[in-house]
């Protein structure tokens, strides 16, 4: 094999090895993000469960944020004690989505 041909082949092999390393790094970052997302979902589900009674009542579900215009108002919004259809709907949507991902 002529020297120029050997150099081209060696260069192509090095480039391929670098591409493979880059793909491995991207795969590792993706795996780390998936793991972090799964942990966040698990923590969120625990929070939903801790605020749901066996009868379906919700404890400390926040009132709607649509009418607030400042951060202070948002942080001081009232907690709704007892049944809350809006909170229940969000919990049911979350539970449904969670079940779909575990199929």
Foldseek 3Di string as FASTA:
>chain_A
DDPVVVVVVVVVVVVVVVVVVVVVVVVVVVVVVVVVVVVVLVVVLVVQVVQADPVGWGWFDFDDPVPDDDPVCVVPTDGDGTHDVVSSVVNVVSVVVVVVVVD
